[in-house]
Every structure is written in structure tokens, then in C-alpha cells.
Amino acid sequence: MSTKHCNRCNRELPIEHFGLNNSRPDGHHYYCKECVKQYAQAYKQTPDGRQKNKTWGQAYYKTPKGLARRQWNGITHRAGKHPNYLHVEIKCTRDQYIAWAEQEIIAFLALHPNERPSVDRIDPKGHYEFGNIQIISLSENTARANRANGGEILSKEKRIARIIHQMQRFGLSLNDLAASQKS
């Protein structure tokens, strides 16, 4: 097992404790992962760190790649987990989706610069897979979802009633929800 000296904490650690860095002769960072994490957390507490962290995220998620990653995060959050998406599976890898979506978002934004791109399943009963997904505007995607719900835009009361109904279907109560929020 190979070891390496951390220049920050002055400990000799296994090489697995160091992140990869192709610009270094040994291919690893000169600080251990723990020191890098501590440094990053401390920097984020400074005024410069807070501002850079905030503006970087805002700027990144406006790029096609950032938008594609945000869409992927939404897809993985919904598919197989959200009550309306329990039957839905993701039939591609993260890298495949982001490569596809980035190009589709670039083409979409060229035609619709003032619209927000959204991933849509062409067949709402199908899965997230190539051939059944497309990039459309968020407003169009919302309108399609509303038409699927009988064309009605649901009021807050109806949305709450549907949530309660879904919770009851899964044997959950409002007390269960409150208890999970506290923990």
C-alpha cells in the first residue's frame, strides 16, 4: 500500500486519502481529502467565499450543462420515488443524459432564448429513456401536465387534498409527516 505526506496536517496517510490531481507528478493532490474539506468549509465562511460560492452556482446553472445537471437531479428525485412517478424508471446513465440534454438545450435556447427548458416524457406512461424524452419549454410542459389532469389548473386546496389522498393510499398520516420533518 502506497502512502503520501499531507503538506497541511503533516500526517503520512494512505494514498486513497488524497484526491486526484493530474497536474501533480504522482497524480494526487498535495493535501489530504480531510484537509481540503476543512479548508473549503473555512473559506465558505469568509465574505469572499460566501459571495463566490453564491455567484458561481447562479452562473453555472444558467449554462446548458448546468441546466442539464439540474434536470438530471430533478429526474432522479422523481423517478420511482414521487407518488405520480412510482412506475417510471430512468433508462440511461447520468453522463449519457447530460451529454444528450446539453446539446438539446443549446438547440432549444437558440430558438427560444427567453424560455426555460424542461425535460418532458413524450409518453407520460413511459420511462425516462432516449426516444421518449424531449426538451420543451417549462410553460409548455406545465400546460401538458394540466391537460393530463383533465385540463384543470389545480387550486391549492385541491393539491393539498390530492397529497392527503396519496398519503392515505400509502398508509401515512399527517402525524407521520410531522414526525419525519422533526427528525
N, C-alpha and C. Protein backbone atom coordinates (compact mmCIF):
# COMPACT_ATOMS: atom_id res chain seq x y z
N MET A 1 0.85 -1.18 0.00
CA MET A 1 0.00 0.00 0.00
C MET A 1 0.89 1.24 0.00
N SER A 2 0.61 2.17 -0.87
CA SER A 2 1.40 3.38 -1.00
C SER A 2 0.88 4.46 -0.04
N THR A 3 1.80 5.25 0.49
CA THR A 3 1.42 6.35 1.38
C THR A 3 1.92 7.66 0.82
N LYS A 4 1.41 8.76 1.40
CA LYS A 4 1.81 10.09 0.96
C LYS A 4 1.75 11.03 2.16
N HIS A 5 2.59 12.04 2.15
CA HIS A 5 2.65 13.03 3.23
C HIS A 5 1.73 14.20 2.89
N CYS A 6 0.83 14.56 3.82
CA CYS A 6 -0.04 15.73 3.63
C CYS A 6 0.73 16.97 4.07
N ASN A 7 0.86 17.95 3.19
CA ASN A 7 1.62 19.16 3.47
C ASN A 7 0.88 20.11 4.41
N ARG A 8 -0.36 19.82 4.72
CA ARG A 8 -1.13 20.70 5.59
C ARG A 8 -1.16 20.19 7.03
N CYS A 9 -1.55 18.92 7.21
CA CYS A 9 -1.65 18.37 8.57
C CYS A 9 -0.38 17.60 8.98
N ASN A 10 0.56 17.47 8.06
CA ASN A 10 1.84 16.79 8.31
C ASN A 10 1.69 15.35 8.76
N ARG A 11 0.68 14.64 8.20
CA ARG A 11 0.49 13.23 8.51
C ARG A 11 0.86 12.41 7.28
N GLU A 12 1.34 11.21 7.53
CA GLU A 12 1.60 10.25 6.48
C GLU A 12 0.35 9.37 6.38
N LEU A 13 -0.32 9.41 5.22
CA LEU A 13 -1.60 8.73 5.06
C LEU A 13 -1.59 7.83 3.83
N PRO A 14 -2.49 6.83 3.79
CA PRO A 14 -2.61 6.01 2.58
C PRO A 14 -3.01 6.90 1.40
N ILE A 15 -2.56 6.54 0.22
CA ILE A 15 -2.77 7.33 -0.99
C ILE A 15 -4.26 7.55 -1.28
N GLU A 16 -5.13 6.63 -0.80
CA GLU A 16 -6.58 6.77 -1.02
C GLU A 16 -7.15 7.98 -0.31
N HIS A 17 -6.42 8.55 0.64
CA HIS A 17 -6.88 9.71 1.40
C HIS A 17 -6.60 11.02 0.66
N PHE A 18 -6.09 10.92 -0.55
CA PHE A 18 -5.76 12.10 -1.34
C PHE A 18 -6.57 12.11 -2.63
N GLY A 19 -7.12 13.27 -2.97
CA GLY A 19 -7.86 13.39 -4.22
C GLY A 19 -6.94 13.34 -5.42
N LEU A 20 -7.52 13.08 -6.59
CA LEU A 20 -6.73 13.02 -7.81
C LEU A 20 -6.42 14.41 -8.31
N ASN A 21 -5.22 14.59 -8.85
CA ASN A 21 -4.79 15.86 -9.42
C ASN A 21 -3.79 15.54 -10.53
N ASN A 22 -4.25 15.58 -11.77
CA ASN A 22 -3.41 15.19 -12.91
C ASN A 22 -2.21 16.09 -13.13
N SER A 23 -2.23 17.29 -12.57
CA SER A 23 -1.10 18.20 -12.77
C SER A 23 0.06 17.89 -11.83
N ARG A 24 -0.14 17.05 -10.85
CA ARG A 24 0.92 16.68 -9.91
C ARG A 24 1.68 15.46 -10.44
N PRO A 25 2.97 15.38 -10.17
CA PRO A 25 3.77 14.25 -10.68
C PRO A 25 3.25 12.88 -10.24
N ASP A 26 2.74 12.79 -8.99
CA ASP A 26 2.24 11.49 -8.51
C ASP A 26 0.76 11.30 -8.81
N GLY A 27 0.11 12.31 -9.40
CA GLY A 27 -1.29 12.19 -9.78
C GLY A 27 -2.28 12.45 -8.66
N HIS A 28 -1.80 12.90 -7.50
CA HIS A 28 -2.68 13.14 -6.36
C HIS A 28 -2.45 14.55 -5.80
N HIS A 29 -3.47 15.08 -5.15
CA HIS A 29 -3.40 16.40 -4.53
C HIS A 29 -2.37 16.38 -3.42
N TYR A 30 -1.82 17.55 -3.08
CA TYR A 30 -0.81 17.59 -2.04
C TYR A 30 -1.40 17.73 -0.65
N TYR A 31 -2.72 17.99 -0.53
CA TYR A 31 -3.41 17.96 0.76
C TYR A 31 -4.33 16.75 0.80
N CYS A 32 -4.51 16.15 1.97
CA CYS A 32 -5.43 15.03 2.11
C CYS A 32 -6.88 15.54 1.97
N LYS A 33 -7.80 14.63 1.71
CA LYS A 33 -9.20 15.00 1.50
C LYS A 33 -9.79 15.71 2.71
N GLU A 34 -9.40 15.27 3.90
CA GLU A 34 -9.91 15.88 5.13
C GLU A 34 -9.46 17.34 5.24
N CYS A 35 -8.21 17.62 4.92
CA CYS A 35 -7.70 18.99 4.98
C CYS A 35 -8.36 19.87 3.91
N VAL A 36 -8.56 19.31 2.71
CA VAL A 36 -9.22 20.05 1.64
C VAL A 36 -10.63 20.42 2.07
N LYS A 37 -11.33 19.48 2.69
CA LYS A 37 -12.70 19.73 3.15
C LYS A 37 -12.72 20.82 4.22
N GLN A 38 -11.80 20.74 5.18
CA GLN A 38 -11.74 21.75 6.24
C GLN A 38 -11.43 23.13 5.65
N TYR A 39 -10.50 23.18 4.71
CA TYR A 39 -10.14 24.45 4.07
C TYR A 39 -11.34 25.04 3.33
N ALA A 40 -12.05 24.19 2.58
CA ALA A 40 -13.20 24.66 1.81
C ALA A 40 -14.30 25.18 2.74
N GLN A 41 -14.54 24.47 3.84
CA GLN A 41 -15.56 24.92 4.78
C GLN A 41 -15.17 26.24 5.43
N ALA A 42 -13.92 26.38 5.78
CA ALA A 42 -13.46 27.64 6.38
C ALA A 42 -13.56 28.79 5.38
N TYR A 43 -13.20 28.53 4.12
CA TYR A 43 -13.25 29.57 3.09
C TYR A 43 -14.68 30.03 2.85
N LYS A 44 -15.62 29.08 2.87
CA LYS A 44 -17.02 29.43 2.63
C LYS A 44 -17.58 30.34 3.72
N GLN A 45 -16.92 30.38 4.88
CA GLN A 45 -17.37 31.24 5.98
C GLN A 45 -16.87 32.68 5.82
N THR A 46 -15.90 32.90 4.95
CA THR A 46 -15.40 34.26 4.74
C THR A 46 -16.33 35.00 3.79
N PRO A 47 -16.35 36.34 3.82
CA PRO A 47 -17.21 37.09 2.89
C PRO A 47 -16.93 36.76 1.42
N ASP A 48 -15.65 36.65 1.05
CA ASP A 48 -15.32 36.30 -0.34
C ASP A 48 -15.84 34.92 -0.70
N GLY A 49 -15.66 33.98 0.20
CA GLY A 49 -16.11 32.61 -0.06
C GLY A 49 -17.61 32.51 -0.21
N ARG A 50 -18.35 33.21 0.63
CA ARG A 50 -19.81 33.18 0.53
C ARG A 50 -20.27 33.77 -0.78
N GLN A 51 -19.68 34.90 -1.19
CA GLN A 51 -20.10 35.56 -2.43
C GLN A 51 -19.72 34.73 -3.65
N LYS A 52 -18.51 34.19 -3.69
CA LYS A 52 -18.09 33.39 -4.85
C LYS A 52 -18.92 32.12 -4.96
N ASN A 53 -19.19 31.49 -3.82
CA ASN A 53 -19.99 30.27 -3.84
C ASN A 53 -21.39 30.56 -4.36
N LYS A 54 -21.95 31.66 -3.94
CA LYS A 54 -23.31 32.03 -4.37
C LYS A 54 -23.35 32.36 -5.86
N THR A 55 -22.45 33.21 -6.32
CA THR A 55 -22.48 33.63 -7.72
C THR A 55 -22.05 32.51 -8.66
N TRP A 56 -21.13 31.63 -8.23
CA TRP A 56 -20.73 30.53 -9.10
C TRP A 56 -21.92 29.63 -9.38
N GLY A 57 -22.66 29.27 -8.35
CA GLY A 57 -23.82 28.40 -8.53
C GLY A 57 -24.87 29.04 -9.43
N GLN A 58 -25.10 30.34 -9.24
CA GLN A 58 -26.09 31.03 -10.07
C GLN A 58 -25.66 31.04 -11.53
N ALA A 59 -24.40 31.33 -11.77
CA ALA A 59 -23.92 31.40 -13.15
C ALA A 59 -23.86 30.02 -13.78
N TYR A 60 -23.41 29.02 -13.03
CA TYR A 60 -23.26 27.68 -13.58
C TYR A 60 -24.60 27.10 -14.01
N TYR A 61 -25.62 27.26 -13.19
CA TYR A 61 -26.91 26.65 -13.51
C TYR A 61 -27.68 27.41 -14.59
N LYS A 62 -27.06 28.43 -15.16
CA LYS A 62 -27.64 29.09 -16.33
C LYS A 62 -26.98 28.61 -17.62
N THR A 63 -25.93 27.81 -17.50
CA THR A 63 -25.27 27.25 -18.68
C THR A 63 -26.03 26.00 -19.12
N PRO A 64 -25.89 25.60 -20.39
CA PRO A 64 -26.57 24.37 -20.83
C PRO A 64 -26.19 23.14 -20.00
N LYS A 65 -24.91 23.01 -19.67
CA LYS A 65 -24.50 21.86 -18.87
C LYS A 65 -25.09 21.94 -17.46
N GLY A 66 -25.10 23.12 -16.87
CA GLY A 66 -25.70 23.30 -15.55
C GLY A 66 -27.19 23.01 -15.56
N LEU A 67 -27.89 23.46 -16.60
CA LEU A 67 -29.32 23.18 -16.72
C LEU A 67 -29.56 21.68 -16.89
N ALA A 68 -28.71 21.01 -17.67
CA ALA A 68 -28.84 19.57 -17.86
C ALA A 68 -28.64 18.83 -16.54
N ARG A 69 -27.65 19.24 -15.76
CA ARG A 69 -27.41 18.60 -14.47
C ARG A 69 -28.58 18.83 -13.52
N ARG A 70 -29.14 20.05 -13.54
CA ARG A 70 -30.29 20.34 -12.69
C ARG A 70 -31.48 19.47 -13.10
N GLN A 71 -31.69 19.31 -14.41
CA GLN A 71 -32.77 18.44 -14.88
C GLN A 71 -32.54 17.00 -14.41
N TRP A 72 -31.30 16.51 -14.53
CA TRP A 72 -30.99 15.15 -14.10
C TRP A 72 -31.32 14.99 -12.61
N ASN A 73 -30.95 15.98 -11.81
CA ASN A 73 -31.25 15.90 -10.38
C ASN A 73 -32.75 15.82 -10.14
N GLY A 74 -33.53 16.57 -10.90
CA GLY A 74 -34.98 16.52 -10.77
C GLY A 74 -35.54 15.17 -11.18
N ILE A 75 -35.02 14.63 -12.27
CA ILE A 75 -35.47 13.32 -12.76
C ILE A 75 -35.20 12.25 -11.71
N THR A 76 -33.99 12.23 -11.16
CA THR A 76 -33.63 11.20 -10.18
C THR A 76 -34.41 11.38 -8.88
N HIS A 77 -34.81 12.61 -8.60
CA HIS A 77 -35.61 12.87 -7.40
C HIS A 77 -37.03 12.34 -7.56
N ARG A 78 -37.56 12.41 -8.79
CA ARG A 78 -38.95 11.99 -9.04
C ARG A 78 -39.09 10.51 -9.36
N ALA A 79 -38.30 10.02 -10.27
CA ALA A 79 -38.49 8.67 -10.84
C ALA A 79 -38.44 7.59 -9.76
N GLY A 80 -39.53 6.84 -9.65
CA GLY A 80 -39.61 5.74 -8.71
C GLY A 80 -39.81 6.15 -7.27
N LYS A 81 -39.89 7.46 -6.99
CA LYS A 81 -40.00 7.92 -5.60
C LYS A 81 -41.26 8.75 -5.37
N HIS A 82 -41.52 9.69 -6.25
CA HIS A 82 -42.70 10.55 -6.13
C HIS A 82 -43.93 9.72 -6.43
N PRO A 83 -45.05 9.94 -5.70
CA PRO A 83 -46.24 9.10 -5.91
C PRO A 83 -46.71 9.01 -7.37
N ASN A 84 -46.58 10.08 -8.13
CA ASN A 84 -47.01 10.04 -9.53
C ASN A 84 -45.99 9.41 -10.46
N TYR A 85 -44.80 9.08 -9.95
CA TYR A 85 -43.72 8.56 -10.79
C TYR A 85 -43.22 7.21 -10.30
N LEU A 86 -44.01 6.49 -9.51
CA LEU A 86 -43.54 5.22 -8.95
C LEU A 86 -43.25 4.19 -10.04
N HIS A 87 -43.97 4.24 -11.15
CA HIS A 87 -43.77 3.27 -12.24
C HIS A 87 -42.66 3.70 -13.20
N VAL A 88 -42.15 4.90 -13.05
CA VAL A 88 -41.20 5.47 -14.01
C VAL A 88 -39.76 5.10 -13.64
N GLU A 89 -39.02 4.65 -14.64
CA GLU A 89 -37.61 4.31 -14.46
C GLU A 89 -36.75 5.21 -15.34
N ILE A 90 -35.48 5.31 -14.99
CA ILE A 90 -34.51 6.04 -15.79
C ILE A 90 -33.71 5.00 -16.56
N LYS A 91 -33.73 5.09 -17.90
CA LYS A 91 -33.11 4.06 -18.74
C LYS A 91 -31.83 4.55 -19.40
N CYS A 92 -31.13 5.48 -18.73
CA CYS A 92 -29.84 5.95 -19.23
C CYS A 92 -28.99 6.33 -18.02
N THR A 93 -27.70 6.51 -18.26
CA THR A 93 -26.81 6.92 -17.18
C THR A 93 -26.82 8.44 -17.07
N ARG A 94 -26.30 8.93 -15.97
CA ARG A 94 -26.20 10.38 -15.75
C ARG A 94 -25.39 11.03 -16.87
N ASP A 95 -24.23 10.46 -17.17
CA ASP A 95 -23.36 11.04 -18.20
C ASP A 95 -24.03 11.03 -19.58
N GLN A 96 -24.72 9.95 -19.90
CA GLN A 96 -25.43 9.89 -21.19
C GLN A 96 -26.50 10.97 -21.26
N TYR A 97 -27.26 11.11 -20.17
CA TYR A 97 -28.34 12.11 -20.17
C TYR A 97 -27.77 13.52 -20.31
N ILE A 98 -26.75 13.84 -19.53
CA ILE A 98 -26.19 15.20 -19.55
C ILE A 98 -25.61 15.51 -20.93
N ALA A 99 -24.91 14.56 -21.54
CA ALA A 99 -24.36 14.80 -22.89
C ALA A 99 -25.49 15.06 -23.89
N TRP A 100 -26.55 14.27 -23.82
CA TRP A 100 -27.70 14.45 -24.73
C TRP A 100 -28.41 15.77 -24.44
N ALA A 101 -28.72 16.01 -23.17
CA ALA A 101 -29.51 17.18 -22.79
C ALA A 101 -28.76 18.48 -23.06
N GLU A 102 -27.46 18.49 -22.85
CA GLU A 102 -26.68 19.71 -23.09
C GLU A 102 -26.84 20.17 -24.54
N GLN A 103 -26.72 19.23 -25.49
CA GLN A 103 -26.87 19.58 -26.91
C GLN A 103 -28.30 20.01 -27.23
N GLU A 104 -29.28 19.31 -26.65
CA GLU A 104 -30.68 19.65 -26.88
C GLU A 104 -31.02 21.02 -26.30
N ILE A 105 -30.46 21.35 -25.15
CA ILE A 105 -30.70 22.65 -24.51
C ILE A 105 -30.08 23.77 -25.34
N ILE A 106 -28.89 23.54 -25.87
CA ILE A 106 -28.25 24.54 -26.73
C ILE A 106 -29.15 24.84 -27.93
N ALA A 107 -29.67 23.78 -28.57
CA ALA A 107 -30.56 23.96 -29.73
C ALA A 107 -31.86 24.65 -29.31
N PHE A 108 -32.40 24.26 -28.17
CA PHE A 108 -33.65 24.86 -27.68
C PHE A 108 -33.46 26.35 -27.42
N LEU A 109 -32.38 26.72 -26.70
CA LEU A 109 -32.15 28.12 -26.35
C LEU A 109 -31.86 28.99 -27.58
N ALA A 110 -31.30 28.38 -28.63
CA ALA A 110 -31.08 29.13 -29.87
C ALA A 110 -32.40 29.55 -30.49
N LEU A 111 -33.42 28.71 -30.36
CA LEU A 111 -34.74 29.01 -30.92
C LEU A 111 -35.64 29.78 -29.95
N HIS A 112 -35.44 29.55 -28.65
CA HIS A 112 -36.30 30.15 -27.62
C HIS A 112 -35.44 30.77 -26.52
N PRO A 113 -34.76 31.88 -26.78
CA PRO A 113 -33.81 32.42 -25.79
C PRO A 113 -34.46 32.88 -24.48
N ASN A 114 -35.73 33.21 -24.50
CA ASN A 114 -36.38 33.73 -23.29
C ASN A 114 -37.22 32.68 -22.56
N GLU A 115 -37.13 31.43 -22.99
CA GLU A 115 -37.89 30.35 -22.36
C GLU A 115 -36.97 29.51 -21.48
N ARG A 116 -37.55 28.87 -20.48
CA ARG A 116 -36.79 27.97 -19.62
C ARG A 116 -36.98 26.54 -20.12
N PRO A 117 -35.89 25.83 -20.46
CA PRO A 117 -36.02 24.47 -20.96
C PRO A 117 -36.42 23.49 -19.86
N SER A 118 -37.21 22.50 -20.24
CA SER A 118 -37.70 21.50 -19.30
C SER A 118 -37.70 20.14 -20.01
N VAL A 119 -37.37 19.09 -19.27
CA VAL A 119 -37.40 17.75 -19.86
C VAL A 119 -38.83 17.21 -19.77
N ASP A 120 -39.29 16.61 -20.88
CA ASP A 120 -40.66 16.11 -20.97
C ASP A 120 -40.63 14.67 -21.47
N ARG A 121 -41.46 13.82 -20.86
CA ARG A 121 -41.65 12.47 -21.37
C ARG A 121 -42.76 12.55 -22.42
N ILE A 122 -42.46 12.17 -23.64
CA ILE A 122 -43.42 12.24 -24.73
C ILE A 122 -44.64 11.39 -24.40
N ASP A 123 -44.41 10.17 -23.96
CA ASP A 123 -45.49 9.30 -23.49
C ASP A 123 -45.44 9.35 -21.97
N PRO A 124 -46.43 10.00 -21.33
CA PRO A 124 -46.39 10.15 -19.87
C PRO A 124 -46.38 8.83 -19.11
N LYS A 125 -46.79 7.74 -19.78
CA LYS A 125 -46.78 6.43 -19.12
C LYS A 125 -45.45 5.72 -19.32
N GLY A 126 -44.58 6.30 -20.16
CA GLY A 126 -43.29 5.68 -20.44
C GLY A 126 -42.22 6.10 -19.45
N HIS A 127 -41.01 5.64 -19.71
CA HIS A 127 -39.88 5.90 -18.83
C HIS A 127 -39.05 7.07 -19.35
N TYR A 128 -38.09 7.49 -18.52
CA TYR A 128 -37.11 8.47 -18.97
C TYR A 128 -36.07 7.69 -19.78
N GLU A 129 -36.24 7.69 -21.09
CA GLU A 129 -35.32 6.98 -21.97
C GLU A 129 -35.26 7.72 -23.30
N PHE A 130 -34.14 7.57 -23.98
CA PHE A 130 -33.99 8.24 -25.27
C PHE A 130 -35.08 7.72 -26.20
N GLY A 131 -35.69 8.63 -26.93
CA GLY A 131 -36.83 8.29 -27.78
C GLY A 131 -38.14 8.64 -27.11
N ASN A 132 -38.12 8.77 -25.77
CA ASN A 132 -39.34 9.16 -25.06
C ASN A 132 -39.15 10.45 -24.27
N ILE A 133 -38.02 11.11 -24.45
CA ILE A 133 -37.81 12.39 -23.77
C ILE A 133 -37.48 13.45 -24.79
N GLN A 134 -37.87 14.67 -24.45
CA GLN A 134 -37.58 15.82 -25.30
C GLN A 134 -37.43 17.04 -24.42
N ILE A 135 -36.78 18.06 -24.95
CA ILE A 135 -36.65 19.33 -24.24
C ILE A 135 -37.69 20.28 -24.82
N ILE A 136 -38.58 20.76 -23.96
CA ILE A 136 -39.59 21.75 -24.34
C ILE A 136 -39.58 22.85 -23.30
N SER A 137 -40.35 23.90 -23.53
CA SER A 137 -40.39 25.00 -22.57
C SER A 137 -41.12 24.56 -21.31
N LEU A 138 -40.74 25.16 -20.19
CA LEU A 138 -41.38 24.84 -18.93
C LEU A 138 -42.87 25.16 -18.98
N SER A 139 -43.23 26.28 -19.62
CA SER A 139 -44.65 26.65 -19.71
C SER A 139 -45.43 25.61 -20.52
N GLU A 140 -44.83 25.11 -21.60
CA GLU A 140 -45.49 24.09 -22.41
C GLU A 140 -45.62 22.77 -21.64
N ASN A 141 -44.57 22.42 -20.90
CA ASN A 141 -44.59 21.20 -20.10
C ASN A 141 -45.66 21.28 -19.01
N THR A 142 -45.78 22.45 -18.38
CA THR A 142 -46.81 22.65 -17.36
C THR A 142 -48.20 22.54 -17.97
N ALA A 143 -48.38 23.13 -19.15
CA ALA A 143 -49.67 23.06 -19.82
C ALA A 143 -50.02 21.61 -20.17
N ARG A 144 -49.03 20.83 -20.62
CA ARG A 144 -49.27 19.42 -20.94
C ARG A 144 -49.70 18.65 -19.69
N ALA A 145 -49.04 18.95 -18.56
CA ALA A 145 -49.40 18.28 -17.30
C ALA A 145 -50.81 18.65 -16.88
N ASN A 146 -51.17 19.91 -17.07
CA ASN A 146 -52.52 20.35 -16.72
C ASN A 146 -53.57 19.66 -17.60
N ARG A 147 -53.27 19.51 -18.89
CA ARG A 147 -54.20 18.81 -19.79
C ARG A 147 -54.34 17.35 -19.37
N ALA A 148 -53.26 16.76 -18.92
CA ALA A 148 -53.31 15.37 -18.47
C ALA A 148 -54.17 15.23 -17.21
N ASN A 149 -54.29 16.33 -16.45
CA ASN A 149 -55.13 16.32 -15.25
C ASN A 149 -56.56 16.75 -15.59
N GLY A 150 -56.97 16.60 -16.82
CA GLY A 150 -58.32 16.98 -17.21
C GLY A 150 -58.43 18.44 -17.61
N GLY A 151 -57.29 19.08 -17.85
CA GLY A 151 -57.30 20.46 -18.31
C GLY A 151 -57.45 21.49 -17.21
N GLU A 152 -57.58 21.04 -15.97
CA GLU A 152 -57.78 22.00 -14.91
C GLU A 152 -56.46 22.37 -14.26
N ILE A 153 -56.35 23.63 -13.86
CA ILE A 153 -55.21 24.06 -13.06
C ILE A 153 -55.66 23.89 -11.62
N LEU A 154 -54.95 23.07 -10.90
CA LEU A 154 -55.40 22.71 -9.56
C LEU A 154 -55.20 23.86 -8.57
N SER A 155 -56.22 24.11 -7.76
CA SER A 155 -56.12 25.12 -6.71
C SER A 155 -55.27 24.54 -5.57
N LYS A 156 -54.87 25.41 -4.68
CA LYS A 156 -54.06 24.97 -3.53
C LYS A 156 -54.82 23.92 -2.72
N GLU A 157 -56.11 24.13 -2.52
CA GLU A 157 -56.92 23.19 -1.75
C GLU A 157 -56.96 21.81 -2.42
N LYS A 158 -57.12 21.80 -3.75
CA LYS A 158 -57.17 20.52 -4.47
C LYS A 158 -55.82 19.82 -4.41
N ARG A 159 -54.74 20.59 -4.52
CA ARG A 159 -53.41 19.98 -4.43
C ARG A 159 -53.21 19.36 -3.06
N ILE A 160 -53.63 20.05 -2.00
CA ILE A 160 -53.50 19.53 -0.64
C ILE A 160 -54.35 18.27 -0.49
N ALA A 161 -55.56 18.31 -1.02
CA ALA A 161 -56.44 17.14 -0.94
C ALA A 161 -55.82 15.94 -1.65
N ARG A 162 -55.19 16.17 -2.82
CA ARG A 162 -54.55 15.08 -3.54
C ARG A 162 -53.36 14.51 -2.76
N ILE A 163 -52.61 15.40 -2.12
CA ILE A 163 -51.46 14.95 -1.32
C ILE A 163 -51.94 14.09 -0.16
N ILE A 164 -52.99 14.54 0.52
CA ILE A 164 -53.54 13.77 1.64
C ILE A 164 -54.05 12.42 1.15
N HIS A 165 -54.72 12.41 0.01
CA HIS A 165 -55.22 11.16 -0.57
C HIS A 165 -54.06 10.21 -0.87
N GLN A 166 -52.98 10.73 -1.47
CA GLN A 166 -51.81 9.89 -1.78
C GLN A 166 -51.19 9.34 -0.50
N MET A 167 -51.11 10.18 0.53
CA MET A 167 -50.53 9.73 1.80
C MET A 167 -51.37 8.60 2.38
N GLN A 168 -52.69 8.73 2.31
CA GLN A 168 -53.57 7.69 2.84
C GLN A 168 -53.41 6.38 2.05
N ARG A 169 -53.23 6.49 0.72
CA ARG A 169 -53.01 5.29 -0.10
C ARG A 169 -51.78 4.53 0.35
N PHE A 170 -50.77 5.27 0.84
CA PHE A 170 -49.53 4.63 1.27
C PHE A 170 -49.49 4.39 2.77
N GLY A 171 -50.65 4.60 3.43
CA GLY A 171 -50.74 4.32 4.86
C GLY A 171 -50.02 5.33 5.73
N LEU A 172 -49.87 6.56 5.25
CA LEU A 172 -49.20 7.60 6.02
C LEU A 172 -50.22 8.59 6.56
N SER A 173 -49.90 9.20 7.69
CA SER A 173 -50.77 10.22 8.25
C SER A 173 -50.02 11.54 8.31
N LEU A 174 -50.75 12.61 8.62
CA LEU A 174 -50.10 13.91 8.78
C LEU A 174 -49.14 13.89 9.98
N ASN A 175 -49.46 13.09 10.99
CA ASN A 175 -48.56 12.96 12.14
C ASN A 175 -47.24 12.32 11.72
N ASP A 176 -47.30 11.33 10.82
CA ASP A 176 -46.08 10.71 10.30
C ASP A 176 -45.22 11.75 9.58
N LEU A 177 -45.89 12.59 8.78
CA LEU A 177 -45.17 13.63 8.04
C LEU A 177 -44.54 14.62 9.00
N ALA A 178 -45.29 15.05 10.03
CA ALA A 178 -44.74 16.00 11.02
C ALA A 178 -43.56 15.39 11.76
N ALA A 179 -43.67 14.11 12.11
CA ALA A 179 -42.59 13.45 12.83
C ALA A 179 -41.34 13.34 11.97
N SER A 180 -41.52 13.07 10.66
CA SER A 180 -40.35 12.96 9.77
C SER A 180 -39.69 14.31 9.55
N GLN A 181 -40.46 15.40 9.63
CA GLN A 181 -39.89 16.74 9.45
C GLN A 181 -39.05 17.13 10.66
N LYS A 182 -39.40 16.64 11.84
CA LYS A 182 -38.67 16.98 13.07
C LYS A 182 -37.35 16.25 13.16
N SER A 183 -37.28 15.05 12.58
CA SER A 183 -36.04 14.26 12.70
C SER A 183 -35.06 14.56 11.60
